[in-house]
Amino acid sequence: MSDNGVRSTIARFFDEKPILKGIAPDQDFFSIGASSLTVIDLQIQIEEALKLSVSTSTLMGSPTVNAWVNAYEQAKSAAKEAQTA
């Protein structure tokens, strides 16, 4: 999956949540009323779709679409490195 695929997958799941629909990529989603339960729900859905894993604490501390894209891109790079090692 390309990095664009990571971004589009994450954006799709964010847009499926009414409170997050149309959120700006650098907007803190906790500041608009998203909860930790929303984060965990999104995390489960995104990780199933991408077949990647990022710690919940990383995602909670990075409450923007762009930060999540970066976190999942790093996980993707680490997974690729592990496969070639």
Protein backbone atom coordinates (compact mmCIF):
# COMPACT_ATOMS: atom_id res chain seq x y z
CA MET A 1 0.00 0.00 0.00
CA SER A 2 1.40 3.40 -0.95
CA ASP A 3 1.75 6.23 1.55
CA ASN A 4 -1.19 7.84 -0.25
CA GLY A 5 -3.10 4.63 0.50
CA VAL A 6 -2.29 5.01 4.18
CA ARG A 7 -3.57 8.59 4.14
CA SER A 8 -6.74 7.76 2.18
CA THR A 9 -7.53 4.80 4.44
CA ILE A 10 -7.15 6.87 7.59
CA ALA A 11 -9.13 9.78 6.12
CA ARG A 12 -11.94 7.42 5.09
CA PHE A 13 -12.35 6.06 8.61
CA PHE A 14 -12.20 9.55 10.14
CA ASP A 15 -14.90 10.73 7.71
CA GLU A 16 -17.16 7.86 8.78
CA LYS A 17 -17.36 9.36 12.29
CA PRO A 18 -19.88 12.25 12.30
CA ILE A 19 -17.86 14.23 14.85
CA LEU A 20 -14.71 13.94 12.69
CA LYS A 21 -16.21 14.29 9.21
CA GLY A 22 -14.28 16.93 7.26
CA ILE A 23 -11.71 17.51 10.01
CA ALA A 24 -8.64 19.46 8.89
CA PRO A 25 -5.49 17.30 8.71
CA ASP A 26 -3.77 19.24 11.52
CA GLN A 27 -6.82 19.81 13.72
CA ASP A 28 -6.71 18.24 17.18
CA PHE A 29 -9.71 15.94 17.26
CA PHE A 30 -9.95 16.00 21.05
CA SER A 31 -10.53 19.77 20.80
CA ILE A 32 -13.72 19.17 18.80
CA GLY A 33 -15.11 16.60 21.21
CA ALA A 34 -13.73 13.23 20.14
CA SER A 35 -13.15 10.81 23.01
CA SER A 36 -10.62 8.12 23.82
CA LEU A 37 -13.25 5.56 22.83
CA THR A 38 -13.38 7.16 19.38
CA VAL A 39 -9.60 6.81 19.15
CA ILE A 40 -9.69 3.11 20.04
CA ASP A 41 -12.56 2.42 17.64
CA LEU A 42 -10.68 4.16 14.81
CA GLN A 43 -7.46 2.38 15.73
CA ILE A 44 -9.09 -1.05 15.48
CA GLN A 45 -10.68 -0.29 12.12
CA ILE A 46 -7.56 1.29 10.62
CA GLU A 47 -5.25 -1.47 11.83
CA GLU A 48 -7.51 -4.15 10.36
CA ALA A 49 -7.55 -2.32 7.01
CA LEU A 50 -3.81 -1.53 6.90
CA LYS A 51 -2.54 -4.70 8.61
CA LEU A 52 -0.29 -2.47 10.73
CA SER A 53 -0.09 -1.76 14.44
CA VAL A 54 0.64 1.46 16.32
CA SER A 55 0.45 1.77 20.10
CA THR A 56 -2.65 3.36 21.55
CA SER A 57 -0.51 5.74 23.60
CA THR A 58 1.17 7.01 20.42
CA LEU A 59 -2.21 7.65 18.81
CA MET A 60 -3.66 9.32 21.90
CA GLY A 61 -0.67 11.64 22.02
CA SER A 62 -0.98 12.45 18.31
CA PRO A 63 -4.59 13.59 17.89
CA THR A 64 -4.50 14.75 14.26
CA VAL A 65 -4.97 13.02 10.93
CA ASN A 66 -1.47 14.02 9.81
CA ALA A 67 0.10 12.65 12.98
CA TRP A 68 -1.74 9.35 12.55
CA VAL A 69 -0.63 9.13 8.92
CA ASN A 70 2.98 9.66 10.05
CA ALA A 71 2.65 7.03 12.80
CA TYR A 72 1.21 4.42 10.44
CA GLU A 73 3.77 5.24 7.73
CA GLN A 74 6.53 4.66 10.31
CA ALA A 75 4.91 1.34 11.27
CA LYS A 76 4.77 0.41 7.60
CA SER A 77 8.47 1.23 7.14
CA ALA A 78 9.40 -0.76 10.23
CA ALA A 79 7.40 -3.74 8.98
CA LYS A 80 9.18 -3.60 5.62
CA GLU A 81 12.58 -3.44 7.34
CA ALA A 82 11.68 -6.43 9.50
CA GLN A 83 10.75 -8.45 6.40
CA THR A 84 14.10 -7.77 4.73
CA ALA A 85 16.19 -8.38 7.84
